[in-house]
Amino acid sequence: MYDVIIIGAGAAGITAAIYAARSKLKFEIISKDFGGLTTWSPDIENYTGFHNLSGLELIEKFKEHISDYRIEVKEETITKVEKSKKEGFIVRTNSSKYETKTVIICSGSSPRKLDIPSAAKFEGKGVAYCATCDGPLFADKDVAVIGGGDSALAAALTLIQVVNKVYILNATAELTGKDAALRDNVLKSDKVIVLNNSKLLEIYGKQFVEGLKFEQMNEKKDLKVEGIFVEIGHIRNVDFVKDLIKINEKNEIAVEKNGATSMPGIYAAGDITDLPGKQTIIAAGDGARALLSAFAYLTRK
């Protein structure tokens, strides 16, 4: 039986794993990917000790750090966390089953996808969810960003470094991003055109995206683009544990200040929780605190 199973390999999960290794716990860290949403950040300027680096560069630092402790992330998909009839919990994945005394959930969130029939058809063929990852594929081309919040603005800021033109299709009357510096940097670029009050209707093309149709102020319009970057929010990954612990109306895991959930022995950290401040540096701190809390729990058992 493991002392702890850590679910998720973003900033929170990686930090928890480092603390687990230093505490000589028997543990595994399980995630279907590495880096979480940090991977998609174009610029990180507020992570203590590092500045002016991309999310991908920071994730490489994380990889270097865990390699020092010979930590390997098991690339599996979590399907269920259950209370064991004997002791602790059972964590089920798409390929394995783990018995553990404690669980730390750092599963973060996934991009919310477009709710139009043509979107799925063009995923990987012009429709993308990561400007940092896929932006270079559209060098010198015209692209669209769907959304008007901070994530949409961050995507636009990344894209203007490589593309010809960025059209921001925003559903509301004004951009909703709260980061004033980010908004100003995007809007001052002559590569950016903001289309407020715009509703995406259709994506079209033969094999790859060739354009989209949208409605603006009751008028249907056509826009020729070769790339469409979707930034309309995220879905928190809690389905595998929703029957076991308290989750709020926003699908966030309710936690106490030490990261404890409503179920003794289960902790949560990072963007998945109901704590304010969805930032990489905060998630890392949450991961450390959750592991220390789990360690204290284990010593009391």
C-alpha atoms as a PDB file:
ATOM      1  CA  MET A   1       0.000   0.000   0.000  1.00  0.00           C
ATOM      2  CA  TYR A   2       1.193   3.479  -0.861  1.00  0.00           C
ATOM      3  CA  ASP A   3       1.428   6.319   1.631  1.00  0.00           C
ATOM      4  CA  VAL A   4       0.082   8.784  -0.922  1.00  0.00           C
ATOM      5  CA  ILE A   5      -1.100   8.886  -4.516  1.00  0.00           C
ATOM      6  CA  ILE A   6      -0.736  12.286  -6.162  1.00  0.00           C
ATOM      7  CA  ILE A   7      -3.162  12.928  -9.025  1.00  0.00           C
ATOM      8  CA  GLY A   8      -1.960  15.471 -11.572  1.00  0.00           C
ATOM      9  CA  ALA A   9       1.459  16.655 -12.742  1.00  0.00           C
ATOM     10  CA  GLY A  10       1.082  20.406 -12.908  1.00  0.00           C
ATOM     11  CA  ALA A  11       2.809  22.843 -10.555  1.00  0.00           C
ATOM     12  CA  ALA A  12       0.820  21.571  -7.547  1.00  0.00           C
ATOM     13  CA  GLY A  13       1.343  17.875  -8.223  1.00  0.00           C
ATOM     14  CA  ILE A  14       5.038  18.171  -9.094  1.00  0.00           C
ATOM     15  CA  THR A  15       5.732  20.171  -5.929  1.00  0.00           C
ATOM     16  CA  ALA A  16       3.802  17.666  -3.819  1.00  0.00           C
ATOM     17  CA  ALA A  17       5.848  14.851  -5.370  1.00  0.00           C
ATOM     18  CA  ILE A  18       9.138  16.582  -4.558  1.00  0.00           C
ATOM     19  CA  TYR A  19       8.034  17.026  -0.943  1.00  0.00           C
ATOM     20  CA  ALA A  20       6.898  13.380  -0.827  1.00  0.00           C
ATOM     21  CA  ALA A  21      10.292  12.211  -2.061  1.00  0.00           C
ATOM     22  CA  ARG A  22      12.095  14.356   0.490  1.00  0.00           C
ATOM     23  CA  SER A  23       9.828  12.951   3.211  1.00  0.00           C
ATOM     24  CA  LYS A  24      10.756   9.381   2.157  1.00  0.00           C
ATOM     25  CA  LEU A  25       7.114   8.464   1.537  1.00  0.00           C
ATOM     26  CA  LYS A  26       6.034   5.593  -0.664  1.00  0.00           C
ATOM     27  CA  PHE A  27       4.099   7.338  -3.421  1.00  0.00           C
ATOM     28  CA  GLU A  28       3.199   7.604  -7.068  1.00  0.00           C
ATOM     29  CA  ILE A  29       2.302  10.647  -9.148  1.00  0.00           C
ATOM     30  CA  ILE A  30      -0.225   9.865 -11.874  1.00  0.00           C
ATOM     31  CA  SER A  31      -1.278  12.117 -14.740  1.00  0.00           C
ATOM     32  CA  LYS A  32      -2.309  11.824 -18.382  1.00  0.00           C
ATOM     33  CA  ASP A  33       0.014  14.743 -19.197  1.00  0.00           C
ATOM     34  CA  PHE A  34       2.831  16.810 -17.702  1.00  0.00           C
ATOM     35  CA  GLY A  35       2.732  20.473 -16.778  1.00  0.00           C
ATOM     36  CA  GLY A  36      -0.974  21.251 -16.697  1.00  0.00           C
ATOM     37  CA  LEU A  37      -2.079  24.718 -17.701  1.00  0.00           C
ATOM     38  CA  THR A  38       1.388  26.140 -16.950  1.00  0.00           C
ATOM     39  CA  THR A  39       2.477  24.604 -20.250  1.00  0.00           C
ATOM     40  CA  TRP A  40       0.169  26.985 -22.077  1.00  0.00           C
ATOM     41  CA  SER A  41       1.359  30.200 -20.443  1.00  0.00           C
ATOM     42  CA  PRO A  42       3.209  32.382 -22.976  1.00  0.00           C
ATOM     43  CA  ASP A  43       5.097  34.384 -20.355  1.00  0.00           C
ATOM     44  CA  ILE A  44       5.602  33.873 -16.630  1.00  0.00           C
ATOM     45  CA  GLU A  45       7.065  36.887 -14.878  1.00  0.00           C
ATOM     46  CA  ASN A  46       5.965  36.296 -11.286  1.00  0.00           C
ATOM     47  CA  TYR A  47       7.422  32.897 -10.339  1.00  0.00           C
ATOM     48  CA  THR A  48       9.976  33.633  -7.647  1.00  0.00           C
ATOM     49  CA  GLY A  49      13.540  33.032  -8.812  1.00  0.00           C
ATOM     50  CA  PHE A  50      12.581  32.850 -12.476  1.00  0.00           C
ATOM     51  CA  HIS A  51      11.373  35.655 -14.692  1.00  0.00           C
ATOM     52  CA  ASN A  52      10.792  36.310 -18.358  1.00  0.00           C
ATOM     53  CA  LEU A  53      10.392  32.672 -19.260  1.00  0.00           C
ATOM     54  CA  SER A  54       7.576  30.758 -20.900  1.00  0.00           C
ATOM     55  CA  GLY A  55       5.415  28.128 -19.284  1.00  0.00           C
ATOM     56  CA  LEU A  56       7.171  25.463 -21.353  1.00  0.00           C
ATOM     57  CA  GLU A  57      10.545  26.640 -20.065  1.00  0.00           C
ATOM     58  CA  LEU A  58       9.331  26.545 -16.463  1.00  0.00           C
ATOM     59  CA  ILE A  59       7.988  23.021 -16.992  1.00  0.00           C
ATOM     60  CA  GLU A  60      11.448  21.973 -18.200  1.00  0.00           C
ATOM     61  CA  LYS A  61      12.781  23.264 -14.863  1.00  0.00           C
ATOM     62  CA  PHE A  62      10.178  21.109 -13.102  1.00  0.00           C
ATOM     63  CA  LYS A  63      11.341  18.069 -15.081  1.00  0.00           C
ATOM     64  CA  GLU A  64      14.948  18.713 -14.128  1.00  0.00           C
ATOM     65  CA  HIS A  65      13.971  19.045 -10.474  1.00  0.00           C
ATOM     66  CA  ILE A  66      12.020  15.798 -10.225  1.00  0.00           C
ATOM     67  CA  SER A  67      14.749  13.930 -12.097  1.00  0.00           C
ATOM     68  CA  ASP A  68      17.059  14.757  -9.182  1.00  0.00           C
ATOM     69  CA  TYR A  69      14.768  12.605  -7.026  1.00  0.00           C
ATOM     70  CA  ARG A  70      14.248   9.943  -9.720  1.00  0.00           C
ATOM     71  CA  ILE A  71      10.530  10.689  -9.746  1.00  0.00           C
ATOM     72  CA  GLU A  72       8.650   9.319 -12.747  1.00  0.00           C
ATOM     73  CA  VAL A  73       5.123  10.353 -13.664  1.00  0.00           C
ATOM     74  CA  LYS A  74       2.853   7.441 -14.484  1.00  0.00           C
ATOM     75  CA  GLU A  75       0.994   8.406 -17.673  1.00  0.00           C
ATOM     76  CA  GLU A  76      -2.433   7.033 -16.881  1.00  0.00           C
ATOM     77  CA  THR A  77      -5.950   8.470 -16.751  1.00  0.00           C
ATOM     78  CA  ILE A  78      -7.697   8.471 -13.377  1.00  0.00           C
ATOM     79  CA  THR A  79     -11.176   6.952 -13.602  1.00  0.00           C
ATOM     80  CA  LYS A  80     -12.278   6.654  -9.961  1.00  0.00           C
ATOM     81  CA  VAL A  81     -11.233   7.251  -6.370  1.00  0.00           C
ATOM     82  CA  GLU A  82     -13.042   5.046  -3.851  1.00  0.00           C
ATOM     83  CA  LYS A  83     -12.998   4.537  -0.108  1.00  0.00           C
ATOM     84  CA  SER A  84     -11.434   1.167   0.630  1.00  0.00           C
ATOM     85  CA  LYS A  85     -13.395  -1.332   2.710  1.00  0.00           C
ATOM     86  CA  LYS A  86     -10.206  -2.086   4.634  1.00  0.00           C
ATOM     87  CA  GLU A  87      -8.075   1.033   4.998  1.00  0.00           C
ATOM     88  CA  GLY A  88      -7.451   4.165   2.989  1.00  0.00           C
ATOM     89  CA  PHE A  89      -8.501   4.492  -0.644  1.00  0.00           C
ATOM     90  CA  ILE A  90      -8.460   2.768  -4.009  1.00  0.00           C
ATOM     91  CA  VAL A  91      -7.373   4.867  -6.994  1.00  0.00           C
ATOM     92  CA  ARG A  92      -8.409   3.347 -10.313  1.00  0.00           C
ATOM     93  CA  THR A  93      -6.954   4.321 -13.673  1.00  0.00           C
ATOM     94  CA  ASN A  94      -7.523   3.208 -17.236  1.00  0.00           C
ATOM     95  CA  SER A  95      -4.932   0.480 -16.733  1.00  0.00           C
ATOM     96  CA  SER A  96      -4.186  -0.028 -13.033  1.00  0.00           C
ATOM     97  CA  LYS A  97      -5.439   0.019  -9.453  1.00  0.00           C
ATOM     98  CA  TYR A  98      -3.583   1.575  -6.528  1.00  0.00           C
ATOM     99  CA  GLU A  99      -4.230   1.178  -2.805  1.00  0.00           C
ATOM    100  CA  THR A 100      -3.157   4.149  -0.746  1.00  0.00           C
ATOM    101  CA  LYS A 101      -3.490   5.648   2.709  1.00  0.00           C
ATOM    102  CA  THR A 102      -3.940   9.216   1.416  1.00  0.00           C
ATOM    103  CA  VAL A 103      -4.688  11.008  -1.857  1.00  0.00           C
ATOM    104  CA  ILE A 104      -3.695  14.461  -3.045  1.00  0.00           C
ATOM    105  CA  ILE A 105      -5.792  15.736  -5.964  1.00  0.00           C
ATOM    106  CA  CYS A 106      -4.013  18.223  -8.232  1.00  0.00           C
ATOM    107  CA  SER A 107      -5.911  17.435 -11.411  1.00  0.00           C
ATOM    108  CA  GLY A 108      -6.430  21.040 -12.493  1.00  0.00           C
ATOM    109  CA  SER A 109      -8.690  21.750 -15.437  1.00  0.00           C
ATOM    110  CA  SER A 110      -9.115  21.107 -19.170  1.00  0.00           C
ATOM    111  CA  PRO A 111     -10.014  23.558 -21.941  1.00  0.00           C
ATOM    112  CA  ARG A 112     -13.717  24.044 -22.561  1.00  0.00           C
ATOM    113  CA  LYS A 113     -14.458  23.017 -26.132  1.00  0.00           C
ATOM    114  CA  LEU A 114     -16.622  24.732 -28.711  1.00  0.00           C
ATOM    115  CA  ASP A 115     -20.255  23.694 -28.763  1.00  0.00           C
ATOM    116  CA  ILE A 116     -20.704  23.682 -32.524  1.00  0.00           C
ATOM    117  CA  PRO A 117     -20.783  20.546 -34.723  1.00  0.00           C
ATOM    118  CA  SER A 118     -17.967  21.598 -37.042  1.00  0.00           C
ATOM    119  CA  ALA A 119     -15.432  22.178 -34.243  1.00  0.00           C
ATOM    120  CA  ALA A 120     -14.585  18.555 -33.508  1.00  0.00           C
ATOM    121  CA  LYS A 121     -14.083  17.868 -37.216  1.00  0.00           C
ATOM    122  CA  PHE A 122     -11.218  20.351 -37.401  1.00  0.00           C
ATOM    123  CA  GLU A 123      -9.452  19.639 -34.106  1.00  0.00           C
ATOM    124  CA  GLY A 124      -5.800  19.226 -35.004  1.00  0.00           C
ATOM    125  CA  LYS A 125      -6.572  20.544 -38.479  1.00  0.00           C
ATOM    126  CA  GLY A 126      -6.692  24.234 -37.621  1.00  0.00           C
ATOM    127  CA  VAL A 127      -8.695  24.229 -34.392  1.00  0.00           C
ATOM    128  CA  ALA A 128      -6.321  24.371 -31.424  1.00  0.00           C
ATOM    129  CA  TYR A 129      -6.441  24.892 -27.666  1.00  0.00           C
ATOM    130  CA  CYS A 130      -2.846  25.894 -26.990  1.00  0.00           C
ATOM    131  CA  ALA A 131      -1.347  28.992 -28.589  1.00  0.00           C
ATOM    132  CA  THR A 132       2.042  28.302 -27.024  1.00  0.00           C
ATOM    133  CA  CYS A 133       2.161  24.753 -28.388  1.00  0.00           C
ATOM    134  CA  ASP A 134       0.571  25.250 -31.805  1.00  0.00           C
ATOM    135  CA  GLY A 135       1.128  28.919 -32.614  1.00  0.00           C
ATOM    136  CA  PRO A 136       4.361  28.341 -34.599  1.00  0.00           C
ATOM    137  CA  LEU A 137       2.410  26.120 -36.999  1.00  0.00           C
ATOM    138  CA  PHE A 138       0.544  29.219 -38.203  1.00  0.00           C
ATOM    139  CA  ALA A 139       3.494  31.494 -38.891  1.00  0.00           C
ATOM    140  CA  ASP A 140       2.580  34.392 -41.195  1.00  0.00           C
ATOM    141  CA  LYS A 141      -1.058  33.284 -41.394  1.00  0.00           C
ATOM    142  CA  ASP A 142      -4.312  34.868 -40.241  1.00  0.00           C
ATOM    143  CA  VAL A 143      -5.877  33.273 -37.163  1.00  0.00           C
ATOM    144  CA  ALA A 144      -8.799  33.802 -34.798  1.00  0.00           C
ATOM    145  CA  VAL A 145      -8.943  33.596 -31.013  1.00  0.00           C
ATOM    146  CA  ILE A 146     -12.328  32.700 -29.556  1.00  0.00           C
ATOM    147  CA  GLY A 147     -12.902  34.357 -26.175  1.00  0.00           C
ATOM    148  CA  GLY A 148     -12.348  37.655 -24.427  1.00  0.00           C
ATOM    149  CA  GLY A 149     -10.872  36.853 -21.016  1.00  0.00           C
ATOM    150  CA  ASP A 150      -7.288  36.773 -19.797  1.00  0.00           C
ATOM    151  CA  SER A 151      -6.583  33.385 -21.381  1.00  0.00           C
ATOM    152  CA  ALA A 152      -7.766  34.671 -24.757  1.00  0.00           C
ATOM    153  CA  LEU A 153      -5.610  37.772 -24.422  1.00  0.00           C
ATOM    154  CA  ALA A 154      -2.599  35.667 -23.403  1.00  0.00           C
ATOM    155  CA  ALA A 155      -3.144  33.487 -26.465  1.00  0.00           C
ATOM    156  CA  ALA A 156      -3.346  36.573 -28.699  1.00  0.00           C
ATOM    157  CA  LEU A 157      -0.128  37.948 -27.180  1.00  0.00           C
ATOM    158  CA  THR A 158       1.627  34.688 -27.973  1.00  0.00           C
ATOM    159  CA  LEU A 159       0.272  34.524 -31.509  1.00  0.00           C
ATOM    160  CA  ILE A 160       1.192  38.044 -32.578  1.00  0.00           C
ATOM    161  CA  GLN A 161       4.834  37.023 -32.275  1.00  0.00           C
ATOM    162  CA  VAL A 162       4.475  34.652 -35.240  1.00  0.00           C
ATOM    163  CA  VAL A 163       1.230  35.137 -37.194  1.00  0.00           C
ATOM    164  CA  ASN A 164       0.154  37.778 -39.683  1.00  0.00           C
ATOM    165  CA  LYS A 165      -3.150  38.827 -38.085  1.00  0.00           C
ATOM    166  CA  VAL A 166      -5.144  37.883 -34.978  1.00  0.00           C
ATOM    167  CA  TYR A 167      -8.916  38.345 -34.873  1.00  0.00           C
ATOM    168  CA  ILE A 168     -10.386  38.137 -31.362  1.00  0.00           C
ATOM    169  CA  LEU A 169     -14.009  36.988 -31.465  1.00  0.00           C
ATOM    170  CA  ASN A 170     -15.495  38.125 -28.168  1.00  0.00           C
ATOM    171  CA  ALA A 171     -19.099  37.293 -27.273  1.00  0.00           C
ATOM    172  CA  THR A 172     -19.625  40.314 -24.994  1.00  0.00           C
ATOM    173  CA  ALA A 173     -19.656  44.058 -25.601  1.00  0.00           C
ATOM    174  CA  GLU A 174     -16.168  44.467 -24.112  1.00  0.00           C
ATOM    175  CA  LEU A 175     -13.174  42.283 -23.401  1.00  0.00           C
ATOM    176  CA  THR A 176     -13.509  40.691 -19.963  1.00  0.00           C
ATOM    177  CA  GLY A 177      -9.817  40.111 -19.205  1.00  0.00           C
ATOM    178  CA  LYS A 178      -8.817  41.600 -15.848  1.00  0.00           C
ATOM    179  CA  ASP A 179      -5.072  41.856 -16.455  1.00  0.00           C
ATOM    180  CA  ALA A 180      -4.726  45.473 -17.574  1.00  0.00           C
ATOM    181  CA  ALA A 181      -1.103  45.130 -18.707  1.00  0.00           C
ATOM    182  CA  LEU A 182      -1.936  42.066 -20.767  1.00  0.00           C
ATOM    183  CA  ARG A 183      -4.930  43.775 -22.355  1.00  0.00           C
ATOM    184  CA  ASP A 184      -2.911  46.890 -23.195  1.00  0.00           C
ATOM    185  CA  ASN A 185      -0.097  44.893 -24.781  1.00  0.00           C
ATOM    186  CA  VAL A 186      -2.562  43.044 -26.988  1.00  0.00           C
ATOM    187  CA  LEU A 187      -4.603  46.059 -28.036  1.00  0.00           C
ATOM    188  CA  LYS A 188      -1.616  48.205 -28.963  1.00  0.00           C
ATOM    189  CA  SER A 189      -0.541  45.672 -31.579  1.00  0.00           C
ATOM    190  CA  ASP A 190      -1.466  46.540 -35.154  1.00  0.00           C
ATOM    191  CA  LYS A 191      -1.821  42.801 -35.775  1.00  0.00           C
ATOM    192  CA  VAL A 192      -4.917  42.527 -33.550  1.00  0.00           C
ATOM    193  CA  ILE A 193      -8.526  43.182 -34.528  1.00  0.00           C
ATOM    194  CA  VAL A 194     -11.159  42.798 -31.801  1.00  0.00           C
ATOM    195  CA  LEU A 195     -14.663  41.775 -32.880  1.00  0.00           C
ATOM    196  CA  ASN A 196     -16.953  42.314 -29.902  1.00  0.00           C
ATOM    197  CA  ASN A 197     -20.545  41.027 -29.692  1.00  0.00           C
ATOM    198  CA  SER A 198     -19.550  38.165 -31.970  1.00  0.00           C
ATOM    199  CA  LYS A 199     -20.978  34.647 -31.889  1.00  0.00           C
ATOM    200  CA  LEU A 200     -19.214  31.847 -33.713  1.00  0.00           C
ATOM    201  CA  LEU A 201     -21.605  29.923 -35.947  1.00  0.00           C
ATOM    202  CA  GLU A 202     -19.553  27.591 -38.103  1.00  0.00           C
ATOM    203  CA  ILE A 203     -16.021  26.536 -39.001  1.00  0.00           C
ATOM    204  CA  TYR A 204     -15.475  25.492 -42.587  1.00  0.00           C
ATOM    205  CA  GLY A 205     -12.828  24.105 -44.904  1.00  0.00           C
ATOM    206  CA  LYS A 206     -12.054  21.033 -46.952  1.00  0.00           C
ATOM    207  CA  GLN A 207      -9.341  19.102 -45.138  1.00  0.00           C
ATOM    208  CA  PHE A 208      -8.111  21.971 -42.966  1.00  0.00           C
ATOM    209  CA  VAL A 209      -9.663  25.175 -41.583  1.00  0.00           C
ATOM    210  CA  GLU A 210     -10.171  27.795 -44.251  1.00  0.00           C
ATOM    211  CA  GLY A 211     -12.436  30.189 -42.389  1.00  0.00           C
ATOM    212  CA  LEU A 212     -15.349  30.705 -40.045  1.00  0.00           C
ATOM    213  CA  LYS A 213     -18.792  32.249 -40.023  1.00  0.00           C
ATOM    214  CA  PHE A 214     -20.007  34.411 -37.164  1.00  0.00           C
ATOM    215  CA  GLU A 215     -22.833  36.715 -36.212  1.00  0.00           C
ATOM    216  CA  GLN A 216     -22.221  40.263 -35.026  1.00  0.00           C
ATOM    217  CA  MET A 217     -25.068  42.603 -34.117  1.00  0.00           C
ATOM    218  CA  ASN A 218     -27.597  40.397 -35.977  1.00  0.00           C
ATOM    219  CA  GLU A 219     -25.444  40.409 -39.112  1.00  0.00           C
ATOM    220  CA  LYS A 220     -23.852  37.194 -40.383  1.00  0.00           C
ATOM    221  CA  LYS A 221     -20.256  37.551 -41.519  1.00  0.00           C
ATOM    222  CA  ASP A 222     -17.455  35.474 -42.984  1.00  0.00           C
ATOM    223  CA  LEU A 223     -13.829  35.517 -41.857  1.00  0.00           C
ATOM    224  CA  LYS A 224     -10.961  33.869 -43.741  1.00  0.00           C
ATOM    225  CA  VAL A 225      -8.534  32.322 -41.237  1.00  0.00           C
ATOM    226  CA  GLU A 226      -6.380  29.201 -41.203  1.00  0.00           C
ATOM    227  CA  GLY A 227      -6.171  28.757 -37.446  1.00  0.00           C
ATOM    228  CA  ILE A 228      -8.731  29.012 -34.645  1.00  0.00           C
ATOM    229  CA  PHE A 229      -7.560  29.101 -31.036  1.00  0.00           C
ATOM    230  CA  VAL A 230     -10.250  28.358 -28.466  1.00  0.00           C
ATOM    231  CA  GLU A 231      -9.997  30.223 -25.137  1.00  0.00           C
ATOM    232  CA  ILE A 232     -13.473  30.098 -23.566  1.00  0.00           C
ATOM    233  CA  GLY A 233     -12.645  28.804 -20.122  1.00  0.00           C
ATOM    234  CA  HIS A 234     -11.831  25.499 -18.526  1.00  0.00           C
ATOM    235  CA  ILE A 235     -13.580  22.479 -17.060  1.00  0.00           C
ATOM    236  CA  ARG A 236     -12.270  21.260 -13.723  1.00  0.00           C
ATOM    237  CA  ASN A 237     -11.384  17.594 -13.625  1.00  0.00           C
ATOM    238  CA  VAL A 238     -13.367  16.293 -10.651  1.00  0.00           C
ATOM    239  CA  ASP A 239     -15.643  13.598 -12.084  1.00  0.00           C
ATOM    240  CA  PHE A 240     -13.534  10.768 -10.670  1.00  0.00           C
ATOM    241  CA  VAL A 241     -14.028  11.970  -7.094  1.00  0.00           C
ATOM    242  CA  LYS A 242     -17.321  13.885  -7.128  1.00  0.00           C
ATOM    243  CA  ASP A 243     -19.195  11.151  -5.233  1.00  0.00           C
ATOM    244  CA  LEU A 244     -16.667  11.079  -2.408  1.00  0.00           C
ATOM    245  CA  ILE A 245     -15.905  14.672  -1.389  1.00  0.00           C
ATOM    246  CA  LYS A 246     -17.607  18.067  -1.254  1.00  0.00           C
ATOM    247  CA  ILE A 247     -17.549  20.021  -4.514  1.00  0.00           C
ATOM    248  CA  ASN A 248     -19.031  23.500  -4.931  1.00  0.00           C
ATOM    249  CA  GLU A 249     -21.287  24.892  -7.658  1.00  0.00           C
ATOM    250  CA  LYS A 250     -18.234  25.861  -9.743  1.00  0.00           C
ATOM    251  CA  ASN A 251     -16.981  22.261  -9.705  1.00  0.00           C
ATOM    252  CA  GLU A 252     -14.168  23.263  -7.364  1.00  0.00           C
ATOM    253  CA  ILE A 253     -13.115  20.992  -4.501  1.00  0.00           C
ATOM    254  CA  ALA A 254     -13.916  22.569  -1.148  1.00  0.00           C
ATOM    255  CA  VAL A 255     -10.810  22.587   1.046  1.00  0.00           C
ATOM    256  CA  GLU A 256      -9.727  23.833   4.438  1.00  0.00           C
ATOM    257  CA  LYS A 257      -6.723  26.128   4.749  1.00  0.00           C
ATOM    258  CA  ASN A 258      -4.396  23.113   5.040  1.00  0.00           C
ATOM    259  CA  GLY A 259      -5.714  21.557   1.823  1.00  0.00           C
ATOM    260  CA  ALA A 260      -7.915  18.975   3.550  1.00  0.00           C
ATOM    261  CA  THR A 261     -11.170  18.040   1.832  1.00  0.00           C
ATOM    262  CA  SER A 262     -14.408  16.871   3.404  1.00  0.00           C
ATOM    263  CA  MET A 263     -13.044  13.303   3.444  1.00  0.00           C
ATOM    264  CA  PRO A 264     -10.246  12.649   5.975  1.00  0.00           C
ATOM    265  CA  GLY A 265      -7.151  11.465   4.122  1.00  0.00           C
ATOM    266  CA  ILE A 266      -7.951  13.222   0.849  1.00  0.00           C
ATOM    267  CA  TYR A 267      -6.311  16.573   0.099  1.00  0.00           C
ATOM    268  CA  ALA A 268      -6.462  18.907  -2.893  1.00  0.00           C
ATOM    269  CA  ALA A 269      -4.197  21.610  -4.287  1.00  0.00           C
ATOM    270  CA  GLY A 270      -3.973  24.093  -7.139  1.00  0.00           C
ATOM    271  CA  ASP A 271      -6.632  25.330  -9.546  1.00  0.00           C
ATOM    272  CA  ILE A 272      -8.944  22.442  -8.670  1.00  0.00           C
ATOM    273  CA  THR A 273      -9.721  23.903  -5.229  1.00  0.00           C
ATOM    274  CA  ASP A 274     -12.103  26.650  -4.131  1.00  0.00           C
ATOM    275  CA  LEU A 275      -9.225  28.800  -2.864  1.00  0.00           C
ATOM    276  CA  PRO A 276      -8.699  32.131  -4.671  1.00  0.00           C
ATOM    277  CA  GLY A 277      -5.760  32.863  -6.944  1.00  0.00           C
ATOM    278  CA  LYS A 278      -5.408  30.524  -9.917  1.00  0.00           C
ATOM    279  CA  GLN A 279      -1.695  31.042 -10.491  1.00  0.00           C
ATOM    280  CA  THR A 280       1.230  28.690 -11.075  1.00  0.00           C
ATOM    281  CA  ILE A 281       3.159  29.952  -8.067  1.00  0.00           C
ATOM    282  CA  ILE A 282       0.105  29.605  -5.810  1.00  0.00           C
ATOM    283  CA  ALA A 283      -0.538  26.083  -7.082  1.00  0.00           C
ATOM    284  CA  ALA A 284       3.037  25.099  -6.228  1.00  0.00           C
ATOM    285  CA  GLY A 285       2.615  26.410  -2.694  1.00  0.00           C
ATOM    286  CA  ASP A 286      -0.710  24.595  -2.378  1.00  0.00           C
ATOM    287  CA  GLY A 287       0.974  21.349  -3.425  1.00  0.00           C
ATOM    288  CA  ALA A 288       3.648  21.699  -0.762  1.00  0.00           C
ATOM    289  CA  ARG A 289       1.073  22.474   1.933  1.00  0.00           C
ATOM    290  CA  ALA A 290      -1.174  19.571   0.934  1.00  0.00           C
ATOM    291  CA  LEU A 291       1.705  17.088   1.100  1.00  0.00           C
ATOM    292  CA  LEU A 292       2.817  18.374   4.503  1.00  0.00           C
ATOM    293  CA  SER A 293      -0.772  18.025   5.726  1.00  0.00           C
ATOM    294  CA  ALA A 294      -0.979  14.482   4.362  1.00  0.00           C
ATOM    295  CA  PHE A 295       2.344  13.661   6.043  1.00  0.00           C
ATOM    296  CA  ALA A 296       1.026  14.962   9.368  1.00  0.00           C
ATOM    297  CA  TYR A 297      -2.112  12.872   8.871  1.00  0.00           C
ATOM    298  CA  LEU A 298      -0.020   9.748   8.265  1.00  0.00           C
ATOM    299  CA  THR A 299       2.064  10.287  11.387  1.00  0.00           C
ATOM    300  CA  ARG A 300      -1.088  10.475  13.478  1.00  0.00           C
ATOM    301  CA  LYS A 301      -2.473   7.209  12.129  1.00  0.00           C
END
